[in-house]
C-alpha atoms as a PDB file:
ATOM      1  CA  UNK A   1     187.450   7.910-179.248  1.00  0.00           C
ATOM      2  CA  UNK A   2     187.331   6.303-175.843  1.00  0.00           C
ATOM      3  CA  UNK A   3     183.927   5.224-174.534  1.00  0.00           C
ATOM      4  CA  UNK A   4     182.481   7.229-171.673  1.00  0.00           C
ATOM      5  CA  UNK A   5     180.057   5.695-169.227  1.00  0.00           C
ATOM      6  CA  UNK A   6     177.232   7.913-168.026  1.00  0.00           C
ATOM      7  CA  UNK A   7     175.967   7.165-164.523  1.00  0.00           C
ATOM      8  CA  UNK A   8     172.205   6.902-164.135  1.00  0.00           C
ATOM      9  CA  UNK A   9     172.240   6.870-160.348  1.00  0.00           C
ATOM     10  CA  UNK A  10     170.568  10.262-160.158  1.00  0.00           C
ATOM     11  CA  UNK A  11     167.657   9.289-162.382  1.00  0.00           C
ATOM     12  CA  UNK A  12     165.964   6.914-159.958  1.00  0.00           C
ATOM     13  CA  UNK A  13     164.157   8.028-156.825  1.00  0.00           C
ATOM     14  CA  UNK A  14     164.179   4.767-154.905  1.00  0.00           C
ATOM     15  CA  UNK A  15     161.912   6.157-152.184  1.00  0.00           C
ATOM     16  CA  UNK A  16     159.097   6.707-154.686  1.00  0.00           C
ATOM     17  CA  UNK A  17     159.135   3.518-156.741  1.00  0.00           C
ATOM     18  CA  UNK A  18     158.588  -0.215-156.509  1.00  0.00           C
ATOM     19  CA  UNK A  19     161.512  -2.578-156.197  1.00  0.00           C
ATOM     20  CA  UNK A  20     163.221  -3.846-159.319  1.00  0.00           C
ATOM     21  CA  UNK A  21     162.461  -7.430-158.340  1.00  0.00           C
ATOM     22  CA  UNK A  22     158.711  -6.790-158.377  1.00  0.00           C
ATOM     23  CA  UNK A  23     158.869  -5.136-161.788  1.00  0.00           C
ATOM     24  CA  UNK A  24     161.004  -7.906-163.212  1.00  0.00           C
ATOM     25  CA  UNK A  25     158.612 -10.500-161.849  1.00  0.00           C
ATOM     26  CA  UNK A  26     155.742  -8.804-163.664  1.00  0.00           C
ATOM     27  CA  UNK A  27     157.704  -8.821-166.918  1.00  0.00           C
ATOM     28  CA  UNK A  28     158.533 -12.490-166.574  1.00  0.00           C
ATOM     29  CA  UNK A  29     154.897 -13.299-165.812  1.00  0.00           C
ATOM     30  CA  UNK A  30     153.786 -11.469-168.958  1.00  0.00           C
ATOM     31  CA  UNK A  31     156.267 -13.366-171.094  1.00  0.00           C
ATOM     32  CA  UNK A  32     155.333 -16.656-169.482  1.00  0.00           C
ATOM     33  CA  UNK A  33     151.656 -15.981-170.153  1.00  0.00           C
ATOM     34  CA  UNK A  34     152.393 -15.225-173.811  1.00  0.00           C
ATOM     35  CA  UNK A  35     154.361 -18.472-174.063  1.00  0.00           C
ATOM     36  CA  UNK A  36     151.529 -20.413-172.397  1.00  0.00           C
ATOM     37  CA  UNK A  37     149.103 -19.059-174.968  1.00  0.00           C
ATOM     38  CA  UNK A  38     151.341 -20.251-177.763  1.00  0.00           C
ATOM     39  CA  UNK A  39     152.299 -16.858-179.148  1.00  0.00           C
ATOM     40  CA  UNK A  40     150.197 -14.370-181.007  1.00  0.00           C
ATOM     41  CA  UNK A  41     149.368 -12.462-177.828  1.00  0.00           C
ATOM     42  CA  UNK A  42     147.764  -9.047-178.241  1.00  0.00           C
ATOM     43  CA  UNK A  43     150.492  -6.428-178.488  1.00  0.00           C
ATOM     44  CA  UNK A  44     153.249  -8.982-179.152  1.00  0.00           C
ATOM     45  CA  UNK A  45     156.012  -7.990-181.570  1.00  0.00           C
ATOM     46  CA  UNK A  46     158.243 -10.020-183.839  1.00  0.00           C
ATOM     47  CA  UNK A  47     161.965 -10.400-183.015  1.00  0.00           C
ATOM     48  CA  UNK A  48     162.819  -8.498-186.199  1.00  0.00           C
ATOM     49  CA  UNK A  49     160.935  -5.421-184.978  1.00  0.00           C
ATOM     50  CA  UNK A  50     163.229  -5.020-181.940  1.00  0.00           C
ATOM     51  CA  UNK A  51     165.700  -3.178-184.199  1.00  0.00           C
ATOM     52  CA  UNK A  52     164.320  -0.282-186.252  1.00  0.00           C
ATOM     53  CA  UNK A  53     165.701   2.438-188.510  1.00  0.00           C
ATOM     54  CA  UNK A  54     164.424   5.866-187.461  1.00  0.00           C
ATOM     55  CA  UNK A  55     164.421   9.202-189.259  1.00  0.00           C
ATOM     56  CA  UNK A  56     163.321  12.684-188.275  1.00  0.00           C
ATOM     57  CA  UNK A  57     159.795  12.199-189.598  1.00  0.00           C
ATOM     58  CA  UNK A  58     159.209   9.065-187.548  1.00  0.00           C
ATOM     59  CA  UNK A  59     161.089  10.044-184.387  1.00  0.00           C
ATOM     60  CA  UNK A  60     158.064  11.122-182.361  1.00  0.00           C
ATOM     61  CA  UNK A  61     156.042   8.019-183.205  1.00  0.00           C
ATOM     62  CA  UNK A  62     158.795   5.407-183.166  1.00  0.00           C
ATOM     63  CA  UNK A  63     160.944   6.733-180.315  1.00  0.00           C
ATOM     64  CA  UNK A  64     159.072   9.193-178.095  1.00  0.00           C
ATOM     65  CA  UNK A  65     155.770   7.347-178.109  1.00  0.00           C
ATOM     66  CA  UNK A  66     157.331   3.877-177.886  1.00  0.00           C
ATOM     67  CA  UNK A  67     159.485   5.034-174.956  1.00  0.00           C
ATOM     68  CA  UNK A  68     156.330   5.114-172.820  1.00  0.00           C
ATOM     69  CA  UNK A  69     156.143   1.312-173.310  1.00  0.00           C
ATOM     70  CA  UNK A  70     159.783   0.224-173.370  1.00  0.00           C
ATOM     71  CA  UNK A  71     163.236   1.866-173.007  1.00  0.00           C
ATOM     72  CA  UNK A  72     164.471   2.904-176.451  1.00  0.00           C
ATOM     73  CA  UNK A  73     168.230   2.766-177.068  1.00  0.00           C
ATOM     74  CA  UNK A  74     169.407   5.061-179.870  1.00  0.00           C
ATOM     75  CA  UNK A  75     172.474   4.174-181.948  1.00  0.00           C
ATOM     76  CA  UNK A  76     173.795   7.206-183.818  1.00  0.00           C
ATOM     77  CA  UNK A  77     175.915   5.848-186.696  1.00  0.00           C
ATOM     78  CA  UNK A  78     177.118   6.478-190.249  1.00  0.00           C
ATOM     79  CA  UNK A  79     178.206   4.244-193.124  1.00  0.00           C
ATOM     80  CA  UNK A  80     181.736   5.703-193.163  1.00  0.00           C
ATOM     81  CA  UNK A  81     182.271   5.228-189.404  1.00  0.00           C
ATOM     82  CA  UNK A  82     184.543   2.232-188.766  1.00  0.00           C
ATOM     83  CA  UNK A  83     183.862   1.958-184.979  1.00  0.00           C
ATOM     84  CA  UNK A  84     180.133   1.987-185.826  1.00  0.00           C
ATOM     85  CA  UNK A  85     180.654  -1.190-187.835  1.00  0.00           C
ATOM     86  CA  UNK A  86     181.841  -2.866-184.650  1.00  0.00           C
ATOM     87  CA  UNK A  87     179.283  -1.423-182.261  1.00  0.00           C
ATOM     88  CA  UNK A  88     176.065  -1.558-184.299  1.00  0.00           C
ATOM     89  CA  UNK A  89     176.047  -5.350-184.883  1.00  0.00           C
ATOM     90  CA  UNK A  90     176.751  -5.881-181.179  1.00  0.00           C
ATOM     91  CA  UNK A  91     173.811  -3.676-180.161  1.00  0.00           C
ATOM     92  CA  UNK A  92     171.563  -5.471-182.649  1.00  0.00           C
ATOM     93  CA  UNK A  93     172.563  -8.852-181.224  1.00  0.00           C
ATOM     94  CA  UNK A  94     171.938  -7.657-177.668  1.00  0.00           C
ATOM     95  CA  UNK A  95     168.518  -6.290-178.635  1.00  0.00           C
ATOM     96  CA  UNK A  96     167.565  -9.795-179.773  1.00  0.00           C
ATOM     97  CA  UNK A  97     169.122 -11.421-176.707  1.00  0.00           C
ATOM     98  CA  UNK A  98     167.345  -9.080-174.257  1.00  0.00           C
ATOM     99  CA  UNK A  99     164.113 -10.177-175.938  1.00  0.00           C
ATOM    100  CA  UNK A 100     161.991  -7.041-175.697  1.00  0.00           C
ATOM    101  CA  UNK A 101     163.471  -5.438-172.608  1.00  0.00           C
ATOM    102  CA  UNK A 102     164.661  -2.570-174.796  1.00  0.00           C
ATOM    103  CA  UNK A 103     164.083  -1.387-178.353  1.00  0.00           C
ATOM    104  CA  UNK A 104     167.047  -0.410-180.548  1.00  0.00           C
ATOM    105  CA  UNK A 105     166.547   2.615-182.814  1.00  0.00           C
ATOM    106  CA  UNK A 106     169.282   3.228-185.402  1.00  0.00           C
ATOM    107  CA  UNK A 107     169.739   6.799-186.648  1.00  0.00           C
ATOM    108  CA  UNK A 108     171.989   7.583-189.627  1.00  0.00           C
ATOM    109  CA  UNK A 109     173.522  10.950-188.729  1.00  0.00           C
ATOM    110  CA  UNK A 110     174.231  11.864-192.366  1.00  0.00           C
ATOM    111  CA  UNK A 111     170.525  11.681-193.172  1.00  0.00           C
ATOM    112  CA  UNK A 112     169.276  13.101-189.854  1.00  0.00           C
ATOM    113  CA  UNK A 113     171.443  16.070-188.930  1.00  0.00           C
ATOM    114  CA  UNK A 114     168.670  17.752-186.928  1.00  0.00           C
ATOM    115  CA  UNK A 115     168.322  14.793-184.559  1.00  0.00           C
ATOM    116  CA  UNK A 116     172.089  14.673-184.154  1.00  0.00           C
ATOM    117  CA  UNK A 117     172.083  18.353-183.151  1.00  0.00           C
ATOM    118  CA  UNK A 118     169.105  17.996-180.808  1.00  0.00           C
ATOM    119  CA  UNK A 119     170.889  15.268-178.857  1.00  0.00           C
ATOM    120  CA  UNK A 120     174.165  17.192-178.847  1.00  0.00           C
ATOM    121  CA  UNK A 121     176.081  14.367-180.528  1.00  0.00           C
ATOM    122  CA  UNK A 122     179.724  15.399-180.854  1.00  0.00           C
ATOM    123  CA  UNK A 123     181.076  12.226-182.403  1.00  0.00           C
ATOM    124  CA  UNK A 124     179.981   8.745-183.408  1.00  0.00           C
ATOM    125  CA  UNK A 125     179.244   6.094-182.529  1.00  0.00           C
ATOM    126  CA  UNK A 126     177.141   7.643-179.784  1.00  0.00           C
ATOM    127  CA  UNK A 127     174.482   5.812-177.823  1.00  0.00           C
ATOM    128  CA  UNK A 128     171.579   7.474-176.009  1.00  0.00           C
ATOM    129  CA  UNK A 129     168.347   6.213-174.493  1.00  0.00           C
ATOM    130  CA  UNK A 130     164.847   7.626-174.203  1.00  0.00           C
ATOM    131  CA  UNK A 131     162.755   6.418-171.261  1.00  0.00           C
ATOM    132  CA  UNK A 132     159.199   7.727-170.905  1.00  0.00           C
ATOM    133  CA  UNK A 133     160.193  10.649-173.085  1.00  0.00           C
ATOM    134  CA  UNK A 134     163.338  11.492-171.094  1.00  0.00           C
ATOM    135  CA  UNK A 135     166.660  11.421-172.935  1.00  0.00           C
ATOM    136  CA  UNK A 136     169.700   9.876-171.236  1.00  0.00           C
ATOM    137  CA  UNK A 137     173.251   9.761-172.628  1.00  0.00           C
ATOM    138  CA  UNK A 138     174.658   6.246-172.242  1.00  0.00           C
ATOM    139  CA  UNK A 139     178.146   6.097-173.784  1.00  0.00           C
ATOM    140  CA  UNK A 140     180.213   7.262-176.722  1.00  0.00           C
ATOM    141  CA  UNK A 141     182.603   5.132-178.726  1.00  0.00           C
ATOM    142  CA  UNK A 142     182.880   1.387-179.302  1.00  0.00           C
ATOM    143  CA  UNK A 143     182.607   0.198-175.708  1.00  0.00           C
ATOM    144  CA  UNK A 144     183.414  -3.371-174.576  1.00  0.00           C
ATOM    145  CA  UNK A 145     180.473  -5.774-174.519  1.00  0.00           C
ATOM    146  CA  UNK A 146     180.629  -6.273-170.740  1.00  0.00           C
ATOM    147  CA  UNK A 147     180.408  -2.515-170.204  1.00  0.00           C
ATOM    148  CA  UNK A 148     177.492  -2.213-172.624  1.00  0.00           C
ATOM    149  CA  UNK A 149     175.619  -5.014-170.872  1.00  0.00           C
ATOM    150  CA  UNK A 150     176.088  -3.302-167.514  1.00  0.00           C
ATOM    151  CA  UNK A 151     174.772  -0.027-168.932  1.00  0.00           C
ATOM    152  CA  UNK A 152     171.764  -1.743-170.513  1.00  0.00           C
ATOM    153  CA  UNK A 153     170.965  -3.508-167.234  1.00  0.00           C
ATOM    154  CA  UNK A 154     171.015  -0.160-165.436  1.00  0.00           C
ATOM    155  CA  UNK A 155     168.780   1.372-168.105  1.00  0.00           C
ATOM    156  CA  UNK A 156     166.247  -1.444-167.838  1.00  0.00           C
ATOM    157  CA  UNK A 157     166.244  -1.105-164.062  1.00  0.00           C
ATOM    158  CA  UNK A 158     165.541   2.616-164.382  1.00  0.00           C
ATOM    159  CA  UNK A 159     162.623   1.907-166.711  1.00  0.00           C
ATOM    160  CA  UNK A 160     161.180  -0.704-164.365  1.00  0.00           C
ATOM    161  CA  UNK A 161     161.646   1.148-161.085  1.00  0.00           C
ATOM    162  CA  UNK A 162     160.688   4.674-162.042  1.00  0.00           C
ATOM    163  CA  UNK A 163     158.259   4.219-164.901  1.00  0.00           C
ATOM    164  CA  UNK A 164     156.969   0.645-164.599  1.00  0.00           C
ATOM    165  CA  UNK A 165     158.235  -0.259-168.091  1.00  0.00           C
ATOM    166  CA  UNK A 166     158.465  -4.048-168.192  1.00  0.00           C
ATOM    167  CA  UNK A 167     159.310  -4.293-171.883  1.00  0.00           C
ATOM    168  CA  UNK A 168     157.650  -5.745-174.951  1.00  0.00           C
ATOM    169  CA  UNK A 169     156.215  -9.249-175.293  1.00  0.00           C
ATOM    170  CA  UNK A 170     158.043 -10.921-178.183  1.00  0.00           C
ATOM    171  CA  UNK A 171     156.379 -13.588-180.296  1.00  0.00           C
ATOM    172  CA  UNK A 172     159.160 -15.790-181.668  1.00  0.00           C
ATOM    173  CA  UNK A 173     156.722 -17.234-184.200  1.00  0.00           C
ATOM    174  CA  UNK A 174     156.114 -13.898-185.912  1.00  0.00           C
ATOM    175  CA  UNK A 175     158.241 -13.007-188.919  1.00  0.00           C
ATOM    176  CA  UNK A 176     159.266  -9.554-190.101  1.00  0.00           C
ATOM    177  CA  UNK A 177     156.008  -9.189-192.041  1.00  0.00           C
ATOM    178  CA  UNK A 178     154.009  -9.628-188.845  1.00  0.00           C
ATOM    179  CA  UNK A 179     152.610 -13.095-189.571  1.00  0.00           C
ATOM    180  CA  UNK A 180     151.669 -14.875-186.404  1.00  0.00           C
ATOM    181  CA  UNK A 181     152.168 -18.470-185.432  1.00  0.00           C
ATOM    182  CA  UNK A 182     149.007 -20.583-185.357  1.00  0.00           C
ATOM    183  CA  UNK A 183     146.839 -19.784-182.384  1.00  0.00           C
ATOM    184  CA  UNK A 184     146.979 -22.152-179.460  1.00  0.00           C
ATOM    185  CA  UNK A 185     143.922 -24.285-178.751  1.00  0.00           C
ATOM    186  CA  UNK A 186     141.466 -23.024-176.179  1.00  0.00           C
ATOM    187  CA  UNK A 187     142.502 -23.740-172.621  1.00  0.00           C
ATOM    188  CA  UNK A 188     140.300 -24.523-169.640  1.00  0.00           C
ATOM    189  CA  UNK A 189     139.198 -21.821-167.263  1.00  0.00           C
ATOM    190  CA  UNK A 190     142.065 -20.292-165.343  1.00  0.00           C
ATOM    191  CA  UNK A 191     142.753 -20.915-161.671  1.00  0.00           C
ATOM    192  CA  UNK A 192     141.746 -17.367-160.692  1.00  0.00           C
ATOM    193  CA  UNK A 193     138.309 -17.270-162.325  1.00  0.00           C
ATOM    194  CA  UNK A 194     136.523 -17.749-158.997  1.00  0.00           C
ATOM    195  CA  UNK A 195     138.413 -14.833-157.425  1.00  0.00           C
ATOM    196  CA  UNK A 196     137.719 -12.638-160.443  1.00  0.00           C
ATOM    197  CA  UNK A 197     134.033 -13.470-160.250  1.00  0.00           C
ATOM    198  CA  UNK A 198     134.068 -12.636-156.535  1.00  0.00           C
ATOM    199  CA  UNK A 199     135.600  -9.266-157.341  1.00  0.00           C
ATOM    200  CA  UNK A 200     132.903  -8.521-159.922  1.00  0.00           C
ATOM    201  CA  UNK A 201     130.186  -9.502-157.453  1.00  0.00           C
ATOM    202  CA  UNK A 202     131.734  -7.210-154.834  1.00  0.00           C
ATOM    203  CA  UNK A 203     131.695  -4.325-157.322  1.00  0.00           C
ATOM    204  CA  UNK A 204     128.069  -4.990-158.165  1.00  0.00           C
ATOM    205  CA  UNK A 205     127.237  -4.980-154.442  1.00  0.00           C
ATOM    206  CA  UNK A 206     129.052  -1.693-153.890  1.00  0.00           C
ATOM    207  CA  UNK A 207     131.742  -3.353-151.768  1.00  0.00           C
ATOM    208  CA  UNK A 208     134.644  -1.485-153.330  1.00  0.00           C
ATOM    209  CA  UNK A 209     137.158  -2.411-150.623  1.00  0.00           C
ATOM    210  CA  UNK A 210     136.230  -6.075-151.060  1.00  0.00           C
ATOM    211  CA  UNK A 211     136.664  -5.827-154.829  1.00  0.00           C
ATOM    212  CA  UNK A 212     140.072  -4.196-154.424  1.00  0.00           C
ATOM    213  CA  UNK A 213     141.211  -6.971-152.109  1.00  0.00           C
ATOM    214  CA  UNK A 214     139.895  -9.689-154.430  1.00  0.00           C
ATOM    215  CA  UNK A 215     141.762  -8.264-157.403  1.00  0.00           C
ATOM    216  CA  UNK A 216     144.921  -7.922-155.305  1.00  0.00           C
ATOM    217  CA  UNK A 217     144.599 -11.573-154.328  1.00  0.00           C
ATOM    218  CA  UNK A 218     144.639 -12.533-157.997  1.00  0.00           C
ATOM    219  CA  UNK A 219     147.601 -10.304-158.781  1.00  0.00           C
ATOM    220  CA  UNK A 220     149.618 -11.625-155.852  1.00  0.00           C
ATOM    221  CA  UNK A 221     149.729 -14.985-157.653  1.00  0.00           C
ATOM    222  CA  UNK A 222     149.460 -13.751-161.247  1.00  0.00           C
ATOM    223  CA  UNK A 223     150.946 -10.224-161.577  1.00  0.00           C
ATOM    224  CA  UNK A 224     150.344 -10.159-165.342  1.00  0.00           C
ATOM    225  CA  UNK A 225     146.622 -10.931-165.183  1.00  0.00           C
ATOM    226  CA  UNK A 226     145.159  -8.271-167.475  1.00  0.00           C
ATOM    227  CA  UNK A 227     141.586  -8.572-166.225  1.00  0.00           C
ATOM    228  CA  UNK A 228     142.676  -8.222-162.602  1.00  0.00           C
ATOM    229  CA  UNK A 229     144.892  -5.209-163.334  1.00  0.00           C
ATOM    230  CA  UNK A 230     142.076  -3.420-165.150  1.00  0.00           C
ATOM    231  CA  UNK A 231     139.542  -4.327-162.461  1.00  0.00           C
ATOM    232  CA  UNK A 232     141.849  -3.188-159.669  1.00  0.00           C
ATOM    233  CA  UNK A 233     142.479   0.160-161.369  1.00  0.00           C
ATOM    234  CA  UNK A 234     138.733   0.725-161.774  1.00  0.00           C
ATOM    235  CA  UNK A 235     137.863  -0.369-158.240  1.00  0.00           C
ATOM    236  CA  UNK A 236     140.568   1.812-156.696  1.00  0.00           C
ATOM    237  CA  UNK A 237     139.369   4.798-158.727  1.00  0.00           C
ATOM    238  CA  UNK A 238     135.796   4.335-157.527  1.00  0.00           C
ATOM    239  CA  UNK A 239     137.006   3.907-153.962  1.00  0.00           C
ATOM    240  CA  UNK A 240     139.011   7.145-154.144  1.00  0.00           C
ATOM    241  CA  UNK A 241     136.066   9.241-155.315  1.00  0.00           C
ATOM    242  CA  UNK A 242     133.557   7.632-152.971  1.00  0.00           C
ATOM    243  CA  UNK A 243     132.213  10.266-150.592  1.00  0.00           C
ATOM    244  CA  UNK A 244     133.925  13.197-152.316  1.00  0.00           C
ATOM    245  CA  UNK A 245     131.953  16.407-152.712  1.00  0.00           C
ATOM    246  CA  UNK A 246     132.362  17.132-156.413  1.00  0.00           C
ATOM    247  CA  UNK A 247     131.675  20.849-156.045  1.00  0.00           C
ATOM    248  CA  UNK A 248     134.254  21.245-153.298  1.00  0.00           C
ATOM    249  CA  UNK A 249     136.872  19.229-155.196  1.00  0.00           C
ATOM    250  CA  UNK A 250     136.421  21.204-158.406  1.00  0.00           C
ATOM    251  CA  UNK A 251     136.461  24.541-156.552  1.00  0.00           C
ATOM    252  CA  UNK A 252     139.691  23.545-154.792  1.00  0.00           C
ATOM    253  CA  UNK A 253     141.257  22.579-158.126  1.00  0.00           C
ATOM    254  CA  UNK A 254     140.190  25.865-159.727  1.00  0.00           C
ATOM    255  CA  UNK A 255     141.319  28.006-156.773  1.00  0.00           C
ATOM    256  CA  UNK A 256     144.644  26.190-156.283  1.00  0.00           C
ATOM    257  CA  UNK A 257     146.080  25.208-159.686  1.00  0.00           C
ATOM    258  CA  UNK A 258     149.477  24.510-158.087  1.00  0.00           C
ATOM    259  CA  UNK A 259     147.994  22.107-155.519  1.00  0.00           C
ATOM    260  CA  UNK A 260     148.850  18.674-156.926  1.00  0.00           C
ATOM    261  CA  UNK A 261     146.524  16.606-154.666  1.00  0.00           C
ATOM    262  CA  UNK A 262     143.651  18.916-155.619  1.00  0.00           C
ATOM    263  CA  UNK A 263     144.369  18.428-159.323  1.00  0.00           C
ATOM    264  CA  UNK A 264     144.667  14.656-158.886  1.00  0.00           C
ATOM    265  CA  UNK A 265     141.330  14.462-157.073  1.00  0.00           C
ATOM    266  CA  UNK A 266     139.661  16.548-159.771  1.00  0.00           C
ATOM    267  CA  UNK A 267     141.148  14.323-162.475  1.00  0.00           C
ATOM    268  CA  UNK A 268     139.676  11.265-160.757  1.00  0.00           C
ATOM    269  CA  UNK A 269     136.245  12.900-160.783  1.00  0.00           C
ATOM    270  CA  UNK A 270     136.698  13.926-164.420  1.00  0.00           C
ATOM    271  CA  UNK A 271     137.330  10.325-165.413  1.00  0.00           C
ATOM    272  CA  UNK A 272     134.466   8.886-163.375  1.00  0.00           C
ATOM    273  CA  UNK A 273     132.212  11.493-164.987  1.00  0.00           C
ATOM    274  CA  UNK A 274     133.269  10.354-168.464  1.00  0.00           C
ATOM    275  CA  UNK A 275     135.444  13.399-169.198  1.00  0.00           C
ATOM    276  CA  UNK A 276     138.477  11.351-170.212  1.00  0.00           C
ATOM    277  CA  UNK A 277     140.342  14.001-172.178  1.00  0.00           C
ATOM    278  CA  UNK A 278     139.802  16.539-169.383  1.00  0.00           C
ATOM    279  CA  UNK A 279     141.242  14.145-166.806  1.00  0.00           C
ATOM    280  CA  UNK A 280     144.297  13.384-168.942  1.00  0.00           C
ATOM    281  CA  UNK A 281     144.833  17.024-169.902  1.00  0.00           C
ATOM    282  CA  UNK A 282     144.607  18.197-166.282  1.00  0.00           C
ATOM    283  CA  UNK A 283     147.319  15.780-165.151  1.00  0.00           C
ATOM    284  CA  UNK A 284     149.577  16.420-168.156  1.00  0.00           C
ATOM    285  CA  UNK A 285     149.389  20.144-167.391  1.00  0.00           C
ATOM    286  CA  UNK A 286     150.198  19.371-163.756  1.00  0.00           C
ATOM    287  CA  UNK A 287     153.236  17.329-164.797  1.00  0.00           C
ATOM    288  CA  UNK A 288     154.348  20.232-167.001  1.00  0.00           C
ATOM    289  CA  UNK A 289     154.098  22.773-164.163  1.00  0.00           C
ATOM    290  CA  UNK A 290     155.694  20.734-161.365  1.00  0.00           C
ATOM    291  CA  UNK A 291     158.926  18.982-160.454  1.00  0.00           C
ATOM    292  CA  UNK A 292     160.255  16.360-158.079  1.00  0.00           C
ATOM    293  CA  UNK A 293     157.810  14.383-155.945  1.00  0.00           C
ATOM    294  CA  UNK A 294     154.834  16.503-157.040  1.00  0.00           C
ATOM    295  CA  UNK A 295     155.541  15.806-160.691  1.00  0.00           C
ATOM    296  CA  UNK A 296     156.017  12.115-160.009  1.00  0.00           C
ATOM    297  CA  UNK A 297     152.714  11.916-158.107  1.00  0.00           C
ATOM    298  CA  UNK A 298     150.816  13.470-161.025  1.00  0.00           C
ATOM    299  CA  UNK A 299     152.591  11.236-163.554  1.00  0.00           C
ATOM    300  CA  UNK A 300     151.885   8.064-161.579  1.00  0.00           C
ATOM    301  CA  UNK A 301     148.193   8.923-161.234  1.00  0.00           C
ATOM    302  CA  UNK A 302     148.015   9.599-164.961  1.00  0.00           C
ATOM    303  CA  UNK A 303     149.493   6.166-165.682  1.00  0.00           C
ATOM    304  CA  UNK A 304     146.915   4.635-163.320  1.00  0.00           C
ATOM    305  CA  UNK A 305     144.109   6.357-165.223  1.00  0.00           C
ATOM    306  CA  UNK A 306     145.563   4.996-168.461  1.00  0.00           C
ATOM    307  CA  UNK A 307     145.055   1.531-166.965  1.00  0.00           C
ATOM    308  CA  UNK A 308     141.414   2.327-166.206  1.00  0.00           C
ATOM    309  CA  UNK A 309     140.640   3.453-169.760  1.00  0.00           C
ATOM    310  CA  UNK A 310     142.762   0.784-171.479  1.00  0.00           C
ATOM    311  CA  UNK A 311     145.971   1.017-173.447  1.00  0.00           C
ATOM    312  CA  UNK A 312     144.282   0.430-176.810  1.00  0.00           C
ATOM    313  CA  UNK A 313     142.016   3.483-176.455  1.00  0.00           C
ATOM    314  CA  UNK A 314     143.126   6.238-178.894  1.00  0.00           C
ATOM    315  CA  UNK A 315     142.693   8.827-176.131  1.00  0.00           C
ATOM    316  CA  UNK A 316     145.317   6.992-174.107  1.00  0.00           C
ATOM    317  CA  UNK A 317     147.640   6.838-177.108  1.00  0.00           C
ATOM    318  CA  UNK A 318     147.312  10.596-177.645  1.00  0.00           C
ATOM    319  CA  UNK A 319     147.829  11.315-173.953  1.00  0.00           C
ATOM    320  CA  UNK A 320     150.935   9.102-173.815  1.00  0.00           C
ATOM    321  CA  UNK A 321     152.414  11.100-176.662  1.00  0.00           C
ATOM    322  CA  UNK A 322     151.544  14.379-174.923  1.00  0.00           C
ATOM    323  CA  UNK A 323     153.100  13.123-171.684  1.00  0.00           C
ATOM    324  CA  UNK A 324     156.256  12.095-173.522  1.00  0.00           C
ATOM    325  CA  UNK A 325     156.548  15.598-174.991  1.00  0.00           C
ATOM    326  CA  UNK A 326     156.232  17.150-171.529  1.00  0.00           C
ATOM    327  CA  UNK A 327     158.797  14.815-169.994  1.00  0.00           C
ATOM    328  CA  UNK A 328     161.178  15.112-172.917  1.00  0.00           C
END
């Protein structure tokens, strides 16, 4: 069967997203920081874990949920399929070479007929992708390597531009069992500590605009600085709700459920008030009910609130899964 390229030009709304160069720079900064620390960074994965076997029971966890962190490429294959024996090793090699910019999920169609039907697979090998819960057909058949690379580059660009997915940090010192390389020795204070301290002092003084600017100054030089990203998200949230009349905002949200700005403002207040699940649920429902720019605005704000709470929080994990279901 001849391979068929699937254009992804309609997936990206360039007017509503950051440039690919900015997203790529952030990814490179994250990888450079992990390398500087000598491996073992929080959230780092081993090279072996870039290629996984997936079945129907693990699809939601290993594909849908992971697709909110990194583009997931799906290789539908079978043991009896001769073209699969050419394509699958190539995809596995590219997954290692791309070093965390995408995750390869291999699905045996003989053992997972339901997944094959859900994706509308007519023949194998067939390659799809899932990005932030959205399924995209890539190509069918044993395509040439140059064509596959071009398709993967487009996929990664989509993930970066539209969803801010900069890939996984790979620890080359970790083996398949998850053992980490020895931790690097402690390093001196970083060059941005003074700016970070200034931002904290501005927050304590109630100078939210000053704190926002201080955090942005750090990120302009170090886009992967975790402390600055978290601080900026918190400071911007506080700045947005400053001066809002909570009663008016909540009444507007209740009276106008289809008004996306009203729902976003109410979600901000929910989070500041400690009602994390309410904030997440409100925006997920808004994403479900809307489309186009309105949907994208609600989704982006939800991702910003994830940053405020922290990616390791189980409430964020649950909300990411719920968002992936809505988008998928």
